[in-house]
């Protein structure tokens, strides 16, 4: 419900923190695709350890306790 409200607001920036952590993989993929389609052209920041979200990202940053790794593509994040 919260995700639906956030998408309906059509803000210029959407920040999602583990938005699908409680979902099975099939549903997670569906949600990620729907968010990507709905947010096309808008800024969306997703904080997630999920490979589904990394694969859907234009840019991936890896954050550790010490620093933020240089930007890379989704392929580099999941391989």
PDB file of N, CA and C in Angstrom:
ATOM      1  N   UNK A   1       0.814  -1.185   0.000  1.00  0.00           N
ATOM      2  CA  UNK A   1       0.000   0.000   0.000  1.00  0.00           C
ATOM      3  C   UNK A   1       0.863   1.257   0.000  1.00  0.00           C
ATOM      4  N   UNK A   2       1.924   1.242   0.783  1.00  0.00           N
ATOM      5  CA  UNK A   2       2.804   2.403   0.865  1.00  0.00           C
ATOM      6  C   UNK A   2       3.477   2.653  -0.480  1.00  0.00           C
ATOM      7  N   UNK A   3       3.904   1.597  -1.139  1.00  0.00           N
ATOM      8  CA  UNK A   3       4.536   1.736  -2.450  1.00  0.00           C
ATOM      9  C   UNK A   3       3.553   2.312  -3.462  1.00  0.00           C
ATOM     10  N   UNK A   4       2.327   1.873  -3.445  1.00  0.00           N
ATOM     11  CA  UNK A   4       1.309   2.405  -4.351  1.00  0.00           C
ATOM     12  C   UNK A   4       1.082   3.898  -4.115  1.00  0.00           C
ATOM     13  N   UNK A   5       1.033   4.304  -2.869  1.00  0.00           N
ATOM     14  CA  UNK A   5       0.862   5.732  -2.552  1.00  0.00           C
ATOM     15  C   UNK A   5       2.052   6.551  -3.029  1.00  0.00           C
ATOM     16  N   UNK A   6       3.259   6.011  -2.843  1.00  0.00           N
ATOM     17  CA  UNK A   6       4.462   6.718  -3.273  1.00  0.00           C
ATOM     18  C   UNK A   6       4.484   6.882  -4.789  1.00  0.00           C
ATOM     19  N   UNK A   7       4.084   5.865  -5.508  1.00  0.00           N
ATOM     20  CA  UNK A   7       4.042   5.950  -6.970  1.00  0.00           C
ATOM     21  C   UNK A   7       2.958   6.917  -7.438  1.00  0.00           C
ATOM     22  N   UNK A   8       1.835   6.919  -6.758  1.00  0.00           N
ATOM     23  CA  UNK A   8       0.730   7.807  -7.135  1.00  0.00           C
ATOM     24  C   UNK A   8       1.076   9.275  -6.917  1.00  0.00           C
ATOM     25  N   UNK A   9       1.968   9.561  -5.995  1.00  0.00           N
ATOM     26  CA  UNK A   9       2.344  10.945  -5.697  1.00  0.00           C
ATOM     27  C   UNK A   9       3.121  11.594  -6.841  1.00  0.00           C
ATOM     28  N   UNK A  10       3.761  10.793  -7.675  1.00  0.00           N
ATOM     29  CA  UNK A  10       4.515  11.282  -8.834  1.00  0.00           C
ATOM     30  C   UNK A  10       5.521  12.374  -8.476  1.00  0.00           C
ATOM     31  N   UNK A  11       6.265  12.167  -7.402  1.00  0.00           N
ATOM     32  CA  UNK A  11       7.297  13.131  -7.009  1.00  0.00           C
ATOM     33  C   UNK A  11       8.489  13.023  -7.954  1.00  0.00           C
ATOM     34  N   UNK A  12       9.352  14.018  -7.916  1.00  0.00           N
ATOM     35  CA  UNK A  12      10.523  14.005  -8.799  1.00  0.00           C
ATOM     36  C   UNK A  12      11.601  13.045  -8.303  1.00  0.00           C
ATOM     37  N   UNK A  13      11.523  12.633  -7.032  1.00  0.00           N
ATOM     38  CA  UNK A  13      12.475  11.689  -6.457  1.00  0.00           C
ATOM     39  C   UNK A  13      11.723  10.698  -5.581  1.00  0.00           C
ATOM     40  N   UNK A  14      12.014   9.425  -5.781  1.00  0.00           N
ATOM     41  CA  UNK A  14      11.425   8.361  -4.967  1.00  0.00           C
ATOM     42  C   UNK A  14      12.568   7.564  -4.359  1.00  0.00           C
ATOM     43  N   UNK A  15      12.567   7.407  -3.028  1.00  0.00           N
ATOM     44  CA  UNK A  15      13.583   6.624  -2.332  1.00  0.00           C
ATOM     45  C   UNK A  15      12.890   5.405  -1.726  1.00  0.00           C
ATOM     46  N   UNK A  16      13.394   4.227  -2.088  1.00  0.00           N
ATOM     47  CA  UNK A  16      12.823   2.975  -1.600  1.00  0.00           C
ATOM     48  C   UNK A  16      13.889   2.213  -0.824  1.00  0.00           C
ATOM     49  N   UNK A  17      13.572   1.786   0.392  1.00  0.00           N
ATOM     50  CA  UNK A  17      14.502   1.036   1.225  1.00  0.00           C
ATOM     51  C   UNK A  17      13.985  -0.386   1.367  1.00  0.00           C
ATOM     52  N   UNK A  18      14.660  -1.322   0.705  1.00  0.00           N
ATOM     53  CA  UNK A  18      14.254  -2.732   0.689  1.00  0.00           C
ATOM     54  C   UNK A  18      12.754  -2.874   0.414  1.00  0.00           C
ATOM     55  N   UNK A  19      12.291  -2.351  -0.716  1.00  0.00           N
ATOM     56  CA  UNK A  19      10.849  -2.301  -0.976  1.00  0.00           C
ATOM     57  C   UNK A  19      10.167  -3.652  -1.144  1.00  0.00           C
ATOM     58  N   UNK A  20      10.917  -4.690  -1.453  1.00  0.00           N
ATOM     59  CA  UNK A  20      10.285  -5.989  -1.699  1.00  0.00           C
ATOM     60  C   UNK A  20      10.890  -7.091  -0.837  1.00  0.00           C
ATOM     61  N   UNK A  21      11.451  -6.733   0.285  1.00  0.00           N
ATOM     62  CA  UNK A  21      12.148  -7.716   1.121  1.00  0.00           C
ATOM     63  C   UNK A  21      11.247  -8.841   1.630  1.00  0.00           C
ATOM     64  N   UNK A  22       9.966  -8.602   1.740  1.00  0.00           N
ATOM     65  CA  UNK A  22       9.054  -9.623   2.263  1.00  0.00           C
ATOM     66  C   UNK A  22       8.345 -10.409   1.155  1.00  0.00           C
ATOM     67  N   UNK A  23       8.748 -10.183  -0.104  1.00  0.00           N
ATOM     68  CA  UNK A  23       8.069 -10.838  -1.230  1.00  0.00           C
ATOM     69  C   UNK A  23       8.886 -11.992  -1.797  1.00  0.00           C
ATOM     70  N   UNK A  24       8.202 -12.939  -2.429  1.00  0.00           N
ATOM     71  CA  UNK A  24       8.897 -13.999  -3.129  1.00  0.00           C
ATOM     72  C   UNK A  24       9.527 -13.420  -4.406  1.00  0.00           C
ATOM     73  N   UNK A  25      10.445 -14.144  -5.012  1.00  0.00           N
ATOM     74  CA  UNK A  25      11.201 -13.641  -6.156  1.00  0.00           C
ATOM     75  C   UNK A  25      10.326 -13.305  -7.352  1.00  0.00           C
ATOM     76  N   UNK A  26       9.341 -14.116  -7.654  1.00  0.00           N
ATOM     77  CA  UNK A  26       8.467 -13.867  -8.799  1.00  0.00           C
ATOM     78  C   UNK A  26       7.713 -12.553  -8.622  1.00  0.00           C
ATOM     79  N   UNK A  27       7.155 -12.343  -7.450  1.00  0.00           N
ATOM     80  CA  UNK A  27       6.436 -11.100  -7.169  1.00  0.00           C
ATOM     81  C   UNK A  27       7.391  -9.919  -7.141  1.00  0.00           C
ATOM     82  N   UNK A  28       8.582 -10.120  -6.603  1.00  0.00           N
ATOM     83  CA  UNK A  28       9.584  -9.058  -6.545  1.00  0.00           C
ATOM     84  C   UNK A  28       9.941  -8.570  -7.954  1.00  0.00           C
ATOM     85  N   UNK A  29      10.116  -9.487  -8.876  1.00  0.00           N
ATOM     86  CA  UNK A  29      10.415  -9.122 -10.265  1.00  0.00           C
ATOM     87  C   UNK A  29       9.269  -8.314 -10.857  1.00  0.00           C
ATOM     88  N   UNK A  30       8.042  -8.727 -10.609  1.00  0.00           N
ATOM     89  CA  UNK A  30       6.871  -7.994 -11.116  1.00  0.00           C
ATOM     90  C   UNK A  30       6.816  -6.582 -10.559  1.00  0.00           C
ATOM     91  N   UNK A  31       7.071  -6.437  -9.275  1.00  0.00           N
ATOM     92  CA  UNK A  31       7.040  -5.120  -8.645  1.00  0.00           C
ATOM     93  C   UNK A  31       8.163  -4.240  -9.202  1.00  0.00           C
ATOM     94  N   UNK A  32       9.364  -4.788  -9.327  1.00  0.00           N
ATOM     95  CA  UNK A  32      10.495  -4.020  -9.857  1.00  0.00           C
ATOM     96  C   UNK A  32      10.214  -3.535 -11.280  1.00  0.00           C
ATOM     97  N   UNK A  33       9.635  -4.387 -12.094  1.00  0.00           N
ATOM     98  CA  UNK A  33       9.288  -3.988 -13.471  1.00  0.00           C
ATOM     99  C   UNK A  33       8.217  -2.896 -13.478  1.00  0.00           C
ATOM    100  N   UNK A  34       7.231  -3.024 -12.631  1.00  0.00           N
ATOM    101  CA  UNK A  34       6.161  -2.024 -12.568  1.00  0.00           C
ATOM    102  C   UNK A  34       6.702  -0.680 -12.101  1.00  0.00           C
ATOM    103  N   UNK A  35       7.566  -0.686 -11.097  1.00  0.00           N
ATOM    104  CA  UNK A  35       8.158   0.560 -10.618  1.00  0.00           C
ATOM    105  C   UNK A  35       8.998   1.188 -11.727  1.00  0.00           C
ATOM    106  N   UNK A  36       9.809   0.392 -12.411  1.00  0.00           N
ATOM    107  CA  UNK A  36      10.648   0.909 -13.493  1.00  0.00           C
ATOM    108  C   UNK A  36       9.804   1.526 -14.603  1.00  0.00           C
ATOM    109  N   UNK A  37       8.726   0.877 -14.969  1.00  0.00           N
ATOM    110  CA  UNK A  37       7.854   1.394 -16.032  1.00  0.00           C
ATOM    111  C   UNK A  37       7.151   2.674 -15.585  1.00  0.00           C
ATOM    112  N   UNK A  38       6.703   2.695 -14.361  1.00  0.00           N
ATOM    113  CA  UNK A  38       5.963   3.841 -13.834  1.00  0.00           C
ATOM    114  C   UNK A  38       6.867   5.046 -13.610  1.00  0.00           C
ATOM    115  N   UNK A  39       8.111   4.800 -13.255  1.00  0.00           N
ATOM    116  CA  UNK A  39       9.042   5.870 -12.908  1.00  0.00           C
ATOM    117  C   UNK A  39       9.963   6.255 -14.061  1.00  0.00           C
ATOM    118  N   UNK A  40       9.755   5.716 -15.233  1.00  0.00           N
ATOM    119  CA  UNK A  40      10.628   6.010 -16.377  1.00  0.00           C
ATOM    120  C   UNK A  40      10.834   7.517 -16.513  1.00  0.00           C
ATOM    121  N   UNK A  41      12.096   7.942 -16.543  1.00  0.00           N
ATOM    122  CA  UNK A  41      12.413   9.351 -16.679  1.00  0.00           C
ATOM    123  C   UNK A  41      12.482  10.118 -15.369  1.00  0.00           C
ATOM    124  N   UNK A  42      12.148   9.490 -14.256  1.00  0.00           N
ATOM    125  CA  UNK A  42      12.203  10.139 -12.946  1.00  0.00           C
ATOM    126  C   UNK A  42      13.309   9.492 -12.114  1.00  0.00           C
ATOM    127  N   UNK A  43      13.802  10.196 -11.145  1.00  0.00           N
ATOM    128  CA  UNK A  43      14.871   9.678 -10.287  1.00  0.00           C
ATOM    129  C   UNK A  43      14.301   8.752  -9.223  1.00  0.00           C
ATOM    130  N   UNK A  44      14.856   7.566  -9.144  1.00  0.00           N
ATOM    131  CA  UNK A  44      14.457   6.604  -8.127  1.00  0.00           C
ATOM    132  C   UNK A  44      15.719   6.027  -7.508  1.00  0.00           C
ATOM    133  N   UNK A  45      15.812   6.087  -6.191  1.00  0.00           N
ATOM    134  CA  UNK A  45      16.938   5.524  -5.468  1.00  0.00           C
ATOM    135  C   UNK A  45      16.409   4.312  -4.711  1.00  0.00           C
ATOM    136  N   UNK A  46      17.031   3.159  -4.945  1.00  0.00           N
ATOM    137  CA  UNK A  46      16.599   1.936  -4.275  1.00  0.00           C
ATOM    138  C   UNK A  46      17.763   1.412  -3.443  1.00  0.00           C
ATOM    139  N   UNK A  47      17.526   1.257  -2.153  1.00  0.00           N
ATOM    140  CA  UNK A  47      18.507   0.665  -1.254  1.00  0.00           C
ATOM    141  C   UNK A  47      18.114  -0.795  -1.098  1.00  0.00           C
ATOM    142  N   UNK A  48      18.933  -1.692  -1.647  1.00  0.00           N
ATOM    143  CA  UNK A  48      18.552  -3.094  -1.622  1.00  0.00           C
ATOM    144  C   UNK A  48      19.756  -3.992  -1.865  1.00  0.00           C
ATOM    145  N   UNK A  49      19.735  -5.159  -1.252  1.00  0.00           N
ATOM    146  CA  UNK A  49      20.750  -6.174  -1.501  1.00  0.00           C
ATOM    147  C   UNK A  49      20.266  -7.167  -2.554  1.00  0.00           C
ATOM    148  N   UNK A  50      19.070  -6.971  -3.041  1.00  0.00           N
ATOM    149  CA  UNK A  50      18.449  -7.894  -3.979  1.00  0.00           C
ATOM    150  C   UNK A  50      19.045  -7.786  -5.382  1.00  0.00           C
ATOM    151  N   UNK A  51      19.365  -8.920  -5.968  1.00  0.00           N
ATOM    152  CA  UNK A  51      19.869  -8.954  -7.346  1.00  0.00           C
ATOM    153  C   UNK A  51      18.806  -8.486  -8.337  1.00  0.00           C
ATOM    154  N   UNK A  52      17.544  -8.650  -8.000  1.00  0.00           N
ATOM    155  CA  UNK A  52      16.459  -8.200  -8.883  1.00  0.00           C
ATOM    156  C   UNK A  52      16.546  -6.695  -9.088  1.00  0.00           C
ATOM    157  N   UNK A  53      16.710  -5.939  -8.009  1.00  0.00           N
ATOM    158  CA  UNK A  53      16.785  -4.481  -8.117  1.00  0.00           C
ATOM    159  C   UNK A  53      18.088  -4.052  -8.757  1.00  0.00           C
ATOM    160  N   UNK A  54      19.186  -4.731  -8.461  1.00  0.00           N
ATOM    161  CA  UNK A  54      20.466  -4.392  -9.090  1.00  0.00           C
ATOM    162  C   UNK A  54      20.393  -4.592 -10.599  1.00  0.00           C
ATOM    163  N   UNK A  55      19.765  -5.668 -11.033  1.00  0.00           N
ATOM    164  CA  UNK A  55      19.653  -5.952 -12.464  1.00  0.00           C
ATOM    165  C   UNK A  55      18.798  -4.906 -13.183  1.00  0.00           C
ATOM    166  N   UNK A  56      17.855  -4.305 -12.481  1.00  0.00           N
ATOM    167  CA  UNK A  56      16.961  -3.315 -13.092  1.00  0.00           C
ATOM    168  C   UNK A  56      17.542  -1.904 -13.062  1.00  0.00           C
ATOM    169  N   UNK A  57      18.670  -1.724 -12.386  1.00  0.00           N
ATOM    170  CA  UNK A  57      19.229  -0.387 -12.176  1.00  0.00           C
ATOM    171  C   UNK A  57      20.042   0.109 -13.367  1.00  0.00           C
ATOM    172  N   UNK A  58      20.020   1.424 -13.556  1.00  0.00           N
ATOM    173  CA  UNK A  58      20.901   2.056 -14.535  1.00  0.00           C
ATOM    174  C   UNK A  58      22.310   2.169 -13.960  1.00  0.00           C
ATOM    175  N   UNK A  59      22.393   2.444 -12.680  1.00  0.00           N
ATOM    176  CA  UNK A  59      23.669   2.596 -11.982  1.00  0.00           C
ATOM    177  C   UNK A  59      23.591   1.882 -10.646  1.00  0.00           C
ATOM    178  N   UNK A  60      24.712   1.295 -10.239  1.00  0.00           N
ATOM    179  CA  UNK A  60      24.765   0.576  -8.965  1.00  0.00           C
ATOM    180  C   UNK A  60      25.960   1.088  -8.175  1.00  0.00           C
ATOM    181  N   UNK A  61      25.710   1.437  -6.923  1.00  0.00           N
ATOM    182  CA  UNK A  61      26.779   1.810  -6.002  1.00  0.00           C
ATOM    183  C   UNK A  61      26.812   0.776  -4.893  1.00  0.00           C
ATOM    184  N   UNK A  62      27.983   0.315  -4.557  1.00  0.00           N
ATOM    185  CA  UNK A  62      28.133  -0.633  -3.464  1.00  0.00           C
ATOM    186  C   UNK A  62      28.633   0.113  -2.239  1.00  0.00           C
ATOM    187  N   UNK A  63      27.872   0.030  -1.168  1.00  0.00           N
ATOM    188  CA  UNK A  63      28.206   0.732   0.067  1.00  0.00           C
ATOM    189  C   UNK A  63      28.699  -0.290   1.085  1.00  0.00           C
ATOM    190  N   UNK A  64      29.859  -0.007   1.670  1.00  0.00           N
ATOM    191  CA  UNK A  64      30.398  -0.846   2.744  1.00  0.00           C
ATOM    192  C   UNK A  64      30.479  -0.006   4.010  1.00  0.00           C
ATOM    193  N   UNK A  65      30.942  -0.598   5.075  1.00  0.00           N
ATOM    194  CA  UNK A  65      31.102   0.160   6.315  1.00  0.00           C
ATOM    195  C   UNK A  65      32.169   1.237   6.173  1.00  0.00           C
ATOM    196  N   UNK A  66      33.124   1.029   5.272  1.00  0.00           N
ATOM    197  CA  UNK A  66      34.223   1.959   5.120  1.00  0.00           C
ATOM    198  C   UNK A  66      34.004   3.020   4.045  1.00  0.00           C
ATOM    199  N   UNK A  67      33.355   2.677   2.945  1.00  0.00           N
ATOM    200  CA  UNK A  67      33.252   3.630   1.848  1.00  0.00           C
ATOM    201  C   UNK A  67      32.172   3.238   0.843  1.00  0.00           C
ATOM    202  N   UNK A  68      32.127   4.004  -0.244  1.00  0.00           N
ATOM    203  CA  UNK A  68      31.243   3.714  -1.366  1.00  0.00           C
ATOM    204  C   UNK A  68      32.142   3.372  -2.544  1.00  0.00           C
ATOM    205  N   UNK A  69      31.944   2.202  -3.118  1.00  0.00           N
ATOM    206  CA  UNK A  69      32.753   1.759  -4.252  1.00  0.00           C
ATOM    207  C   UNK A  69      32.398   2.581  -5.484  1.00  0.00           C
ATOM    208  N   UNK A  70      33.318   2.667  -6.430  1.00  0.00           N
ATOM    209  CA  UNK A  70      33.017   3.392  -7.669  1.00  0.00           C
ATOM    210  C   UNK A  70      31.771   2.821  -8.353  1.00  0.00           C
ATOM    211  N   UNK A  71      31.076   3.694  -9.052  1.00  0.00           N
ATOM    212  CA  UNK A  71      29.854   3.321  -9.771  1.00  0.00           C
ATOM    213  C   UNK A  71      30.162   2.242 -10.795  1.00  0.00           C
ATOM    214  N   UNK A  72      29.242   1.301 -10.973  1.00  0.00           N
ATOM    215  CA  UNK A  72      29.381   0.261 -11.982  1.00  0.00           C
ATOM    216  C   UNK A  72      28.019  -0.137 -12.513  1.00  0.00           C
ATOM    217  N   UNK A  73      28.010  -0.962 -13.525  1.00  0.00           N
ATOM    218  CA  UNK A  73      26.752  -1.404 -14.114  1.00  0.00           C
ATOM    219  C   UNK A  73      26.163  -2.538 -13.278  1.00  0.00           C
ATOM    220  N   UNK A  74      24.936  -2.879 -13.557  1.00  0.00           N
ATOM    221  CA  UNK A  74      24.279  -3.971 -12.834  1.00  0.00           C
ATOM    222  C   UNK A  74      25.016  -5.277 -13.057  1.00  0.00           C
ATOM    223  N   UNK A  75      25.576  -5.495 -14.237  1.00  0.00           N
ATOM    224  CA  UNK A  75      26.295  -6.737 -14.509  1.00  0.00           C
ATOM    225  C   UNK A  75      27.473  -6.883 -13.556  1.00  0.00           C
ATOM    226  N   UNK A  76      28.155  -5.780 -13.276  1.00  0.00           N
ATOM    227  CA  UNK A  76      29.293  -5.822 -12.352  1.00  0.00           C
ATOM    228  C   UNK A  76      28.869  -6.068 -10.926  1.00  0.00           C
ATOM    229  N   UNK A  77      27.662  -5.706 -10.574  1.00  0.00           N
ATOM    230  CA  UNK A  77      27.195  -5.874  -9.202  1.00  0.00           C
ATOM    231  C   UNK A  77      26.778  -7.300  -8.911  1.00  0.00           C
ATOM    232  N   UNK A  78      26.292  -7.992  -9.920  1.00  0.00           N
ATOM    233  CA  UNK A  78      25.756  -9.331  -9.679  1.00  0.00           C
ATOM    234  C   UNK A  78      26.711 -10.437 -10.071  1.00  0.00           C
ATOM    235  N   UNK A  79      27.836 -10.097 -10.660  1.00  0.00           N
ATOM    236  CA  UNK A  79      28.766 -11.157 -11.077  1.00  0.00           C
ATOM    237  C   UNK A  79      29.902 -11.311 -10.091  1.00  0.00           C
TER     238      UNK A  79
END
